[in-house]
Amino acid sequence: MTQKIRVTTKADQFENRNQEHLRVGYQIENEQPVPINGLCSFTAVRIIPDDEACG
């Protein structure tokens, strides 16, 4: 199972948030480091084994 989350953050926190997600095992996709309306974003993706997905 794949878990995807869209992370939107203020421009000055972008790199910190990106590193936080990398540390806990997410892969980063679709980075938008240039702020739009003051916010940057990225997609964090993690593959969850089926035995963990059920709870």
N, C-alpha and C. Protein backbone atom coordinates (compact mmCIF):
# COMPACT_ATOMS: atom_id res chain seq x y z
N MET A 1 0.85 -1.16 0.00
CA MET A 1 0.00 0.00 0.00
C MET A 1 0.90 1.24 0.00
N THR A 2 0.50 2.25 -0.74
CA THR A 2 1.27 3.48 -0.83
C THR A 2 0.52 4.59 -0.11
N GLN A 3 1.23 5.31 0.73
CA GLN A 3 0.66 6.45 1.44
C GLN A 3 1.30 7.71 0.85
N LYS A 4 0.45 8.63 0.38
CA LYS A 4 0.94 9.90 -0.16
C LYS A 4 0.29 11.03 0.64
N ILE A 5 1.11 12.01 0.99
CA ILE A 5 0.58 13.20 1.63
C ILE A 5 1.16 14.43 0.95
N ARG A 6 0.34 15.44 0.82
CA ARG A 6 0.79 16.71 0.25
C ARG A 6 1.13 17.63 1.41
N VAL A 7 2.35 18.12 1.44
CA VAL A 7 2.81 18.99 2.52
C VAL A 7 2.95 20.40 1.98
N THR A 8 2.25 21.32 2.59
CA THR A 8 2.33 22.74 2.23
C THR A 8 2.87 23.49 3.43
N THR A 9 3.86 24.33 3.19
CA THR A 9 4.52 25.01 4.29
C THR A 9 5.00 26.40 3.87
N LYS A 10 5.28 27.21 4.84
CA LYS A 10 5.85 28.53 4.55
C LYS A 10 7.24 28.34 3.94
N ALA A 11 7.63 29.28 3.10
CA ALA A 11 8.88 29.16 2.36
C ALA A 11 10.09 28.98 3.28
N ASP A 12 10.12 29.68 4.42
CA ASP A 12 11.29 29.58 5.30
C ASP A 12 11.37 28.25 6.04
N GLN A 13 10.32 27.45 6.04
CA GLN A 13 10.31 26.14 6.69
C GLN A 13 10.39 24.97 5.70
N PHE A 14 10.44 25.28 4.41
CA PHE A 14 10.39 24.24 3.38
C PHE A 14 11.47 23.18 3.56
N GLU A 15 12.71 23.58 3.68
CA GLU A 15 13.81 22.61 3.77
C GLU A 15 13.71 21.79 5.05
N ASN A 16 13.35 22.41 6.17
CA ASN A 16 13.22 21.67 7.44
C ASN A 16 12.14 20.61 7.33
N ARG A 17 10.98 20.97 6.78
CA ARG A 17 9.87 20.01 6.64
C ARG A 17 10.25 18.87 5.70
N ASN A 18 10.97 19.21 4.63
CA ASN A 18 11.43 18.21 3.69
C ASN A 18 12.34 17.21 4.40
N GLN A 19 13.30 17.69 5.15
CA GLN A 19 14.23 16.82 5.87
C GLN A 19 13.54 15.98 6.94
N GLU A 20 12.54 16.54 7.62
CA GLU A 20 11.77 15.78 8.62
C GLU A 20 11.12 14.56 7.97
N HIS A 21 10.52 14.73 6.84
CA HIS A 21 9.85 13.62 6.17
C HIS A 21 10.85 12.60 5.63
N LEU A 22 11.98 13.05 5.15
CA LEU A 22 13.02 12.11 4.71
C LEU A 22 13.53 11.26 5.88
N ARG A 23 13.71 11.87 7.05
CA ARG A 23 14.21 11.15 8.23
C ARG A 23 13.28 10.03 8.67
N VAL A 24 11.98 10.20 8.51
CA VAL A 24 11.05 9.16 8.97
C VAL A 24 10.66 8.18 7.87
N GLY A 25 11.35 8.24 6.73
CA GLY A 25 11.19 7.20 5.72
C GLY A 25 10.34 7.53 4.50
N TYR A 26 9.98 8.77 4.32
CA TYR A 26 9.22 9.15 3.13
C TYR A 26 10.17 9.47 1.98
N GLN A 27 9.71 9.25 0.77
CA GLN A 27 10.40 9.74 -0.41
C GLN A 27 9.70 11.03 -0.83
N ILE A 28 10.45 11.94 -1.39
CA ILE A 28 9.89 13.25 -1.76
C ILE A 28 9.68 13.31 -3.27
N GLU A 29 8.47 13.75 -3.66
CA GLU A 29 8.14 13.92 -5.07
C GLU A 29 7.51 15.30 -5.26
N ASN A 30 7.48 15.74 -6.49
CA ASN A 30 6.76 16.95 -6.88
C ASN A 30 7.09 18.16 -6.00
N GLU A 31 8.38 18.40 -5.81
CA GLU A 31 8.77 19.56 -5.01
C GLU A 31 8.41 20.87 -5.72
N GLN A 32 7.90 21.80 -4.95
CA GLN A 32 7.64 23.16 -5.44
C GLN A 32 8.31 24.12 -4.45
N PRO A 33 9.64 24.29 -4.56
CA PRO A 33 10.38 25.10 -3.59
C PRO A 33 10.20 26.60 -3.78
N VAL A 34 9.69 27.02 -4.93
CA VAL A 34 9.45 28.44 -5.17
C VAL A 34 8.06 28.78 -4.64
N PRO A 35 7.96 29.74 -3.72
CA PRO A 35 6.67 30.03 -3.10
C PRO A 35 5.63 30.60 -4.06
N ILE A 36 4.42 30.10 -3.93
CA ILE A 36 3.25 30.62 -4.61
C ILE A 36 2.33 31.12 -3.51
N ASN A 37 2.00 32.39 -3.52
CA ASN A 37 1.20 32.99 -2.44
C ASN A 37 1.84 32.77 -1.07
N GLY A 38 3.17 32.73 -1.02
CA GLY A 38 3.90 32.59 0.22
C GLY A 38 4.09 31.16 0.70
N LEU A 39 3.59 30.16 -0.05
CA LEU A 39 3.69 28.77 0.39
C LEU A 39 4.42 27.91 -0.64
N CYS A 40 5.17 26.95 -0.12
CA CYS A 40 5.84 25.95 -0.94
C CYS A 40 5.20 24.60 -0.63
N SER A 41 5.46 23.60 -1.47
CA SER A 41 4.85 22.30 -1.20
C SER A 41 5.68 21.17 -1.79
N PHE A 42 5.37 19.96 -1.34
CA PHE A 42 5.94 18.74 -1.90
C PHE A 42 5.02 17.58 -1.54
N THR A 43 5.20 16.47 -2.24
CA THR A 43 4.45 15.26 -1.94
C THR A 43 5.40 14.28 -1.27
N ALA A 44 4.99 13.76 -0.11
CA ALA A 44 5.77 12.76 0.61
C ALA A 44 5.10 11.41 0.38
N VAL A 45 5.89 10.41 -0.03
CA VAL A 45 5.37 9.09 -0.38
C VAL A 45 6.07 8.03 0.45
N ARG A 46 5.26 7.11 0.98
CA ARG A 46 5.83 6.01 1.77
C ARG A 46 5.09 4.74 1.41
N ILE A 47 5.84 3.66 1.21
CA ILE A 47 5.23 2.36 0.95
C ILE A 47 5.08 1.64 2.28
N ILE A 48 3.83 1.27 2.58
CA ILE A 48 3.51 0.59 3.83
C ILE A 48 3.27 -0.88 3.53
N PRO A 49 4.01 -1.78 4.19
CA PRO A 49 3.76 -3.22 3.97
C PRO A 49 2.32 -3.55 4.37
N ASP A 50 1.73 -4.51 3.65
CA ASP A 50 0.32 -4.87 3.88
C ASP A 50 0.05 -5.28 5.33
N ASP A 51 0.99 -5.93 5.99
CA ASP A 51 0.74 -6.34 7.37
C ASP A 51 0.69 -5.17 8.35
N GLU A 52 1.31 -4.03 8.03
CA GLU A 52 1.24 -2.83 8.86
C GLU A 52 0.01 -2.00 8.54
N ALA A 53 -0.48 -2.07 7.31
CA ALA A 53 -1.59 -1.23 6.87
C ALA A 53 -2.90 -1.56 7.59
N CYS A 54 -3.05 -2.76 8.04
CA CYS A 54 -4.30 -3.19 8.69
C CYS A 54 -4.37 -2.75 10.14
N GLY A 55 -3.28 -2.33 10.70
CA GLY A 55 -3.38 -1.74 12.00
C GLY A 55 -2.67 -2.31 13.12
